[in-house]
Protein backbone atom coordinates (compact mmCIF):
# COMPACT_ATOMS: atom_id res chain seq x y z
CA MET A 1 37.10 13.26 38.10
CA THR A 2 33.92 14.54 40.05
CA THR A 3 30.90 12.38 40.25
CA GLN A 4 28.37 14.39 37.85
CA ILE A 5 31.25 13.89 35.16
CA TRP A 6 31.67 10.34 35.82
CA LEU A 7 27.78 9.52 35.73
CA LEU A 8 27.82 11.42 32.17
CA LEU A 9 30.79 9.05 30.78
CA SER A 10 29.01 6.33 32.11
CA ALA A 11 25.66 7.23 30.94
CA ILE A 12 27.72 8.32 27.40
CA ILE A 13 29.27 4.57 27.19
CA LEU A 14 25.84 2.77 28.11
CA LEU A 15 24.15 4.46 25.52
CA ILE A 16 26.80 3.55 22.96
CA GLY A 17 27.05 0.01 23.88
CA LEU A 18 22.71 0.03 23.44
CA LEU A 19 23.15 1.32 20.19
CA ALA A 20 26.01 -1.24 19.01
CA ALA A 21 23.99 -4.12 20.38
CA GLY A 22 20.52 -3.02 18.59
CA PHE A 23 22.62 -2.63 15.48
CA PHE A 24 24.06 -6.04 15.40
CA TYR A 25 20.58 -7.07 16.81
CA GLU A 26 19.05 -5.60 13.69
CA ARG A 27 21.70 -6.95 11.02
CA ARG A 28 21.30 -10.49 12.80
CA SER A 29 17.64 -10.31 12.65
CA ARG A 30 17.37 -9.27 8.91
CA ARG A 31 19.78 -11.99 8.32
CA ARG A 32 17.45 -14.47 9.71
CA ASP A 33 14.17 -13.44 8.26
CA ALA A 34 15.94 -13.35 4.88
CA ARG A 35 16.63 -16.91 5.35
CA ARG A 36 13.05 -17.55 6.87
CA PHE A 37 11.15 -15.72 4.35
CA PRO A 38 12.06 -16.10 0.86
CA PRO A 39 10.08 -13.93 -1.79
CA PRO A 40 6.89 -16.69 -2.42
CA GLY A 41 6.82 -14.68 -6.07
CA TRP A 42 9.17 -13.61 -8.51
CA LEU A 43 11.51 -10.73 -8.81
CA ILE A 44 11.51 -9.24 -11.82
CA ASP A 45 13.64 -6.35 -13.16
CA VAL A 46 11.83 -2.83 -14.14
CA GLY A 47 14.60 -0.89 -15.10
CA GLY A 48 17.52 -0.87 -12.49
CA HIS A 49 15.10 -2.22 -9.36
CA ARG A 50 13.44 -5.54 -9.31
CA LEU A 51 10.05 -5.74 -7.82
CA HIS A 52 8.52 -8.96 -6.29
CA LEU A 53 5.13 -9.98 -8.11
CA LEU A 54 2.95 -12.78 -6.77
CA THR A 55 0.44 -14.23 -9.23
CA LYS A 56 -2.55 -16.90 -8.91
CA GLY A 57 -5.09 -18.25 -11.24
CA THR A 58 -5.54 -18.20 -15.01
CA ASP A 59 -8.41 -16.77 -16.66
CA GLY A 60 -8.29 -13.68 -17.93
CA PRO A 61 -8.71 -10.83 -17.44
CA THR A 62 -5.86 -9.77 -15.25
CA VAL A 63 -6.70 -8.43 -11.36
CA VAL A 64 -4.02 -6.26 -10.28
CA PHE A 65 -4.01 -5.15 -6.61
CA GLU A 66 -2.30 -1.69 -5.45
CA GLN A 67 -1.84 -1.21 -2.03
CA GLY A 68 -2.44 1.79 0.49
CA ALA A 69 0.52 3.74 1.76
CA GLY A 70 2.35 1.51 3.93
CA GLY A 71 0.23 -1.51 2.93
CA PRO A 72 2.05 -4.80 2.66
CA SER A 73 0.77 -7.15 -0.14
CA LEU A 74 0.66 -10.25 1.94
CA GLY A 75 -2.41 -8.21 3.62
CA TRP A 76 -4.17 -9.24 0.51
CA LEU A 77 -3.35 -12.78 0.40
CA GLY A 78 -6.84 -13.77 1.74
CA LEU A 79 -8.37 -11.80 -1.42
CA GLN A 80 -6.14 -13.32 -3.68
CA GLU A 81 -6.96 -16.91 -3.10
CA GLN A 82 -11.00 -15.66 -3.63
CA ILE A 83 -10.42 -14.05 -6.53
CA SER A 84 -7.82 -16.76 -8.26
CA LYS A 85 -11.07 -19.08 -8.58
CA PHE A 86 -12.43 -16.77 -11.17
CA ALA A 87 -9.72 -14.93 -12.50
CA ARG A 88 -6.06 -14.50 -12.16
CA VAL A 89 -4.96 -11.83 -9.72
CA CYS A 90 -1.54 -10.08 -9.28
CA LEU A 91 -0.31 -8.69 -5.85
CA TYR A 92 3.08 -6.65 -6.15
CA ASP A 93 5.10 -4.56 -3.86
CA ARG A 94 6.19 -1.57 -4.51
CA ALA A 95 9.94 -0.45 -4.48
CA GLY A 96 11.00 -0.35 -0.93
CA TYR A 97 8.06 -2.75 0.49
CA GLN A 98 8.85 -6.21 1.47
CA TRP A 99 11.06 -7.97 -1.25
CA SER A 100 11.08 -5.32 -3.63
CA ASP A 101 14.10 -3.70 -4.26
CA GLU A 102 14.48 -0.04 -2.50
CA VAL A 103 14.85 3.25 -4.60
CA ARG A 104 16.75 6.02 -2.98
CA GLY A 105 15.24 9.67 -3.07
CA PRO A 106 12.30 11.05 -3.52
CA ARG A 107 9.94 9.95 -6.37
CA ASN A 108 6.69 10.55 -7.54
CA MET A 109 3.42 8.72 -8.18
CA GLN A 110 3.81 8.49 -11.62
CA ALA A 111 7.38 6.93 -11.12
CA ARG A 112 5.41 4.58 -9.34
CA VAL A 113 2.86 3.86 -12.28
CA ARG A 114 5.81 3.72 -14.55
CA ASP A 115 7.08 0.46 -12.35
CA LEU A 116 3.88 -1.14 -12.50
CA HIS A 117 3.34 -0.73 -16.15
CA GLU A 118 6.62 -1.93 -17.24
CA LEU A 119 6.66 -4.79 -14.54
CA LEU A 120 3.08 -5.74 -15.88
CA VAL A 121 4.63 -5.90 -19.46
CA ARG A 122 8.04 -7.49 -18.39
CA ALA A 123 5.92 -10.38 -16.49
CA ALA A 124 3.73 -10.76 -19.90
CA LEU A 125 0.82 -10.67 -18.00
CA PRO A 126 -1.71 -10.02 -20.98
CA GLU A 127 -4.33 -6.83 -20.89
CA PRO A 128 -6.42 -5.60 -20.00
CA TYR A 129 -6.45 -5.21 -16.21
CA VAL A 130 -8.78 -4.56 -13.89
CA LEU A 131 -6.98 -2.65 -11.01
CA VAL A 132 -7.70 -2.30 -7.41
CA GLY A 133 -6.42 0.47 -5.12
CA HIS A 134 -6.75 0.76 -1.36
CA SER A 135 -6.52 4.52 -0.17
CA TYR A 136 -3.19 6.01 -1.78
CA GLY A 137 -3.08 3.20 -4.02
CA GLY A 138 -6.46 4.77 -5.47
CA PHE A 139 -4.27 7.59 -6.62
CA LEU A 140 -1.83 5.39 -8.59
CA VAL A 141 -4.63 3.21 -10.23
CA ARG A 142 -6.44 6.32 -11.80
CA LEU A 143 -2.97 7.67 -12.94
CA PHE A 144 -2.35 4.33 -14.60
CA ALA A 145 -6.25 4.68 -16.52
CA ARG A 146 -5.16 8.10 -17.05
CA ASP A 147 -1.87 6.86 -18.91
CA TYR A 148 -2.61 3.58 -20.20
CA PRO A 149 -6.17 3.88 -21.01
CA GLU A 150 -6.20 1.04 -23.44
CA SER A 151 -4.44 -1.21 -21.04
CA VAL A 152 -7.46 -0.76 -18.43
CA ALA A 153 -10.85 -2.95 -17.88
CA GLY A 154 -12.03 -1.46 -15.11
CA LEU A 155 -11.27 -0.04 -11.81
CA VAL A 156 -12.12 -0.49 -8.24
CA LEU A 157 -11.36 2.29 -5.81
CA VAL A 158 -11.55 0.85 -2.23
CA ASP A 159 -11.65 3.31 0.52
CA THR A 160 -9.89 5.93 -1.57
CA PRO A 161 -9.89 9.63 -0.41
CA HIS A 162 -10.90 12.42 -3.11
CA GLU A 163 -8.03 14.52 -3.98
CA GLN A 164 -10.34 18.11 -2.86
CA GLY A 165 -10.74 16.40 1.05
CA TYR A 166 -7.04 15.36 1.30
CA LEU A 167 -6.10 18.88 0.45
CA ARG A 168 -7.70 20.15 3.57
CA ARG A 169 -5.32 22.32 5.55
CA GLU A 170 -6.04 19.91 8.94
CA VAL A 171 -5.89 16.56 6.96
CA LEU A 172 -2.41 17.86 5.38
CA SER A 173 -1.10 19.13 9.27
CA LEU A 174 -2.40 15.08 10.00
CA TYR A 175 0.04 13.52 7.40
CA SER A 176 2.79 15.77 8.13
CA LYS A 177 2.94 14.79 11.64
CA LEU A 178 2.42 11.24 10.20
CA THR A 179 5.09 11.17 8.17
CA TRP A 180 7.42 12.64 11.72
CA VAL A 181 6.56 9.52 13.27
CA PHE A 182 7.88 7.59 10.80
CA ARG A 183 11.21 9.51 10.08
CA GLY A 184 11.93 8.60 13.86
CA LEU A 185 11.03 4.84 13.41
CA LYS A 186 13.24 4.74 10.49
CA ILE A 187 16.19 6.00 12.65
CA LEU A 188 14.97 4.10 15.60
CA SER A 189 14.90 0.90 13.33
CA ILE A 190 18.40 0.89 12.11
CA PHE A 191 18.77 -0.37 15.74
CA GLY A 192 16.11 -2.84 16.23
CA VAL A 193 13.91 -0.80 18.10
CA PRO A 194 10.49 -1.34 15.96
CA ARG A 195 11.46 -5.06 15.92
CA LEU A 196 11.92 -5.11 19.94
CA PHE A 197 8.68 -3.92 20.13
CA SER A 198 6.86 -5.46 17.22
CA ARG A 199 7.03 -8.51 19.51
CA TRP A 200 4.60 -7.52 22.14
CA LEU A 201 2.49 -4.84 19.92
CA VAL A 202 1.94 -6.31 16.54
CA LYS A 203 -0.98 -8.34 16.92
CA PRO A 204 -2.17 -11.66 13.94
CA GLU A 205 -4.20 -9.81 11.51
CA PRO A 206 -7.81 -12.52 11.24
CA GLY A 207 -7.96 -14.75 8.55
CA LEU A 208 -4.43 -14.95 7.35
CA PRO A 209 -1.86 -17.88 8.56
CA VAL A 210 0.33 -17.56 11.36
CA GLU A 211 3.39 -17.58 9.17
CA VAL A 212 1.98 -14.91 6.98
CA CYS A 213 1.42 -12.72 9.99
CA GLU A 214 5.09 -13.33 10.97
CA GLN A 215 6.69 -12.33 7.63
CA LEU A 216 4.28 -9.50 7.97
CA ALA A 217 5.79 -8.51 10.92
CA ALA A 218 9.31 -9.20 10.12
CA MET A 219 8.89 -7.08 6.81
CA THR A 220 7.36 -3.87 8.68
CA VAL A 221 9.93 -2.81 10.93
CA ARG A 222 12.66 -2.35 8.32
CA ARG A 223 14.20 1.13 7.56
CA GLU A 224 13.14 0.73 3.75
CA TYR A 225 9.17 0.15 5.03
CA PHE A 226 9.46 3.33 7.03
CA ALA A 227 11.42 5.08 4.48
CA THR A 228 9.27 3.94 1.77
CA ALA A 229 6.08 5.00 3.62
CA ILE A 230 7.34 8.34 4.15
CA ASP A 231 7.77 8.99 0.64
CA ASP A 232 4.17 7.39 -0.31
CA VAL A 233 3.14 10.34 1.70
CA ARG A 234 5.51 13.13 0.10
CA SER A 235 4.67 11.69 -3.29
CA CYS A 236 0.60 11.77 -2.70
CA THR A 237 0.94 15.58 -0.95
CA SER A 238 3.35 16.81 -3.35
CA ASP A 239 1.90 15.70 -6.63
CA LEU A 240 -2.01 16.72 -5.35
CA LEU A 241 -1.02 20.37 -4.78
CA LYS A 242 0.90 20.54 -8.14
CA SER A 243 -2.61 20.09 -9.39
CA ARG A 244 -2.04 17.33 -11.64
CA PRO A 245 -5.18 16.60 -13.02
CA PHE A 246 -5.86 13.02 -13.04
CA GLY A 247 -9.00 13.30 -15.63
CA ALA A 248 -12.57 11.71 -15.95
CA LEU A 249 -12.70 8.30 -16.64
CA GLY A 250 -15.22 8.16 -19.64
CA ASP A 251 -17.39 5.05 -19.18
CA LEU A 252 -14.71 2.90 -18.05
CA PRO A 253 -16.41 0.57 -15.49
CA LEU A 254 -15.57 1.78 -11.98
CA ALA A 255 -16.39 0.46 -8.39
CA VAL A 256 -16.27 3.09 -5.67
CA ILE A 257 -16.13 1.27 -2.31
CA THR A 258 -16.41 3.51 0.90
CA HIS A 259 -16.69 2.61 4.60
CA ALA A 260 -19.61 3.42 7.11
CA LYS A 261 -17.63 3.44 10.31
CA PRO A 262 -15.80 6.41 10.85
CA PHE A 263 -12.18 6.82 10.68
CA PRO A 264 -11.14 6.63 14.26
CA GLY A 265 -8.80 8.87 16.74
CA PRO A 266 -6.83 11.92 14.82
CA PHE A 267 -7.90 10.16 11.49
CA ALA A 268 -11.54 11.66 12.02
CA VAL A 269 -10.17 14.87 10.53
CA LEU A 270 -10.80 12.82 7.09
CA GLU A 271 -14.59 11.98 7.72
CA THR A 272 -15.29 15.68 6.98
CA GLY A 273 -16.70 16.02 3.33
CA TRP A 274 -15.47 12.07 2.68
CA ARG A 275 -18.75 10.81 1.41
CA GLU A 276 -19.41 13.75 -0.76
CA GLY A 277 -15.77 13.18 -2.08
CA GLN A 278 -16.76 9.40 -2.58
CA GLU A 279 -20.04 10.43 -4.84
CA ARG A 280 -17.28 12.78 -6.99
CA LEU A 281 -15.50 9.58 -7.52
CA ALA A 282 -18.23 7.38 -8.73
CA ALA A 283 -19.45 10.27 -11.05
CA LEU A 284 -15.76 10.12 -12.75
CA SER A 285 -17.70 7.39 -14.86
CA THR A 286 -20.73 7.23 -16.88
CA ASN A 287 -20.41 3.45 -15.67
CA GLY A 288 -19.41 4.07 -11.92
CA VAL A 289 -21.35 2.83 -8.98
CA LEU A 290 -20.97 3.90 -5.33
CA ILE A 291 -20.94 1.09 -2.44
CA VAL A 292 -21.18 0.90 1.15
CA ALA A 293 -19.54 -0.86 3.21
CA GLU A 294 -22.17 -0.50 6.22
CA LYS A 295 -19.40 -2.93 8.61
CA ALA A 296 -16.61 -1.70 7.71
CA ASN A 297 -13.61 1.03 8.75
CA HIS A 298 -10.84 2.02 6.59
CA MET A 299 -9.57 -1.95 6.37
CA ILE A 300 -12.43 -2.96 4.03
CA HIS A 301 -10.47 -5.61 2.60
CA MET A 302 -10.24 -7.14 6.42
CA ASP A 303 -13.96 -5.96 7.31
CA GLU A 304 -15.90 -6.57 4.23
CA PRO A 305 -13.66 -8.48 1.73
CA GLU A 306 -16.90 -10.00 -0.06
CA MET A 307 -17.57 -6.49 -1.19
CA ILE A 308 -14.43 -6.34 -2.68
CA VAL A 309 -14.69 -9.80 -4.67
CA ASP A 310 -18.13 -8.99 -5.84
CA ALA A 311 -17.66 -5.68 -7.39
CA ILE A 312 -14.34 -7.02 -9.02
CA ARG A 313 -16.27 -10.30 -10.15
CA THR A 314 -18.45 -8.29 -11.70
CA LEU A 315 -16.03 -6.00 -13.80
CA VAL A 316 -14.05 -9.27 -14.54
CA GLU A 317 -17.49 -10.38 -15.95
CA ARG A 318 -18.08 -6.80 -18.00
CA ALA A 319 -14.17 -7.17 -19.48
CA ARG A 320 -15.10 -10.75 -20.75
CA GLN A 321 -18.46 -9.55 -22.62
CA PRO A 322 -17.55 -9.38 -26.29
CA VAL A 323 -17.39 -5.86 -27.83
CA PRO A 324 -20.20 -5.05 -29.82
């Protein structure tokens, strides 16, 4: 056997050994995480799969958060705590995120909206709802308001793109590249690579307890997380390209909150026409208002959470006023 063949076989054996070690490391870590981090809320069947729901507060109307693509609900715990002082507030995880069951195969945005509606019904959470959507989640709450208008008391759109801006060629190219990155991470996650590197790369989120940050780190390195984030982006692009209209919002109370600090790095392509898109969103309702978070980037709930709390409080108070 020549030296070159021996070296090649040695490299192959080493690679197989590393992959096997990574595979068992990931499986063991997942079992450990299941013991360390049981679901803090309830797992509710919505028709073939379960979604995780965490509620706090008792006073109506019900405030419901819808996260962005790849956004875990635990990142909004601080806001839930503040809002629960004056309203009932719900965090939930879309299928595939955190404790919610994964649903294999492509799913469109409307399937996600049906999931949310079924979750709220089966959890017996009374209408009407004040829906808060961040980024991609803003598309979902707009669809919810279109399909279930009698169930919605108001919308808060937190740095949600307008569809015309999202469908620009350079933006679609950016998200296409991003999905390929996530596809690579999905494969690597089977062998524990993202989990291993997260020990050094993941930084604690400001304002969140250490144990919550550990939960976030554990939940965002799993194969299901990357697969669902990929499908979030795919569903958004596919549905918007089909030109399915969201429709106007009539006189529905609406708050559009947008960032002032530009998007960083490659995401700077989103900045072109962003403010004009936010104005168009606010104009969807005759009761719409545009609020600029001067100190915030896209993560307004971390940079200026009080802006979101104030907007929600205003909509909750409107919803409590008796109908003339």
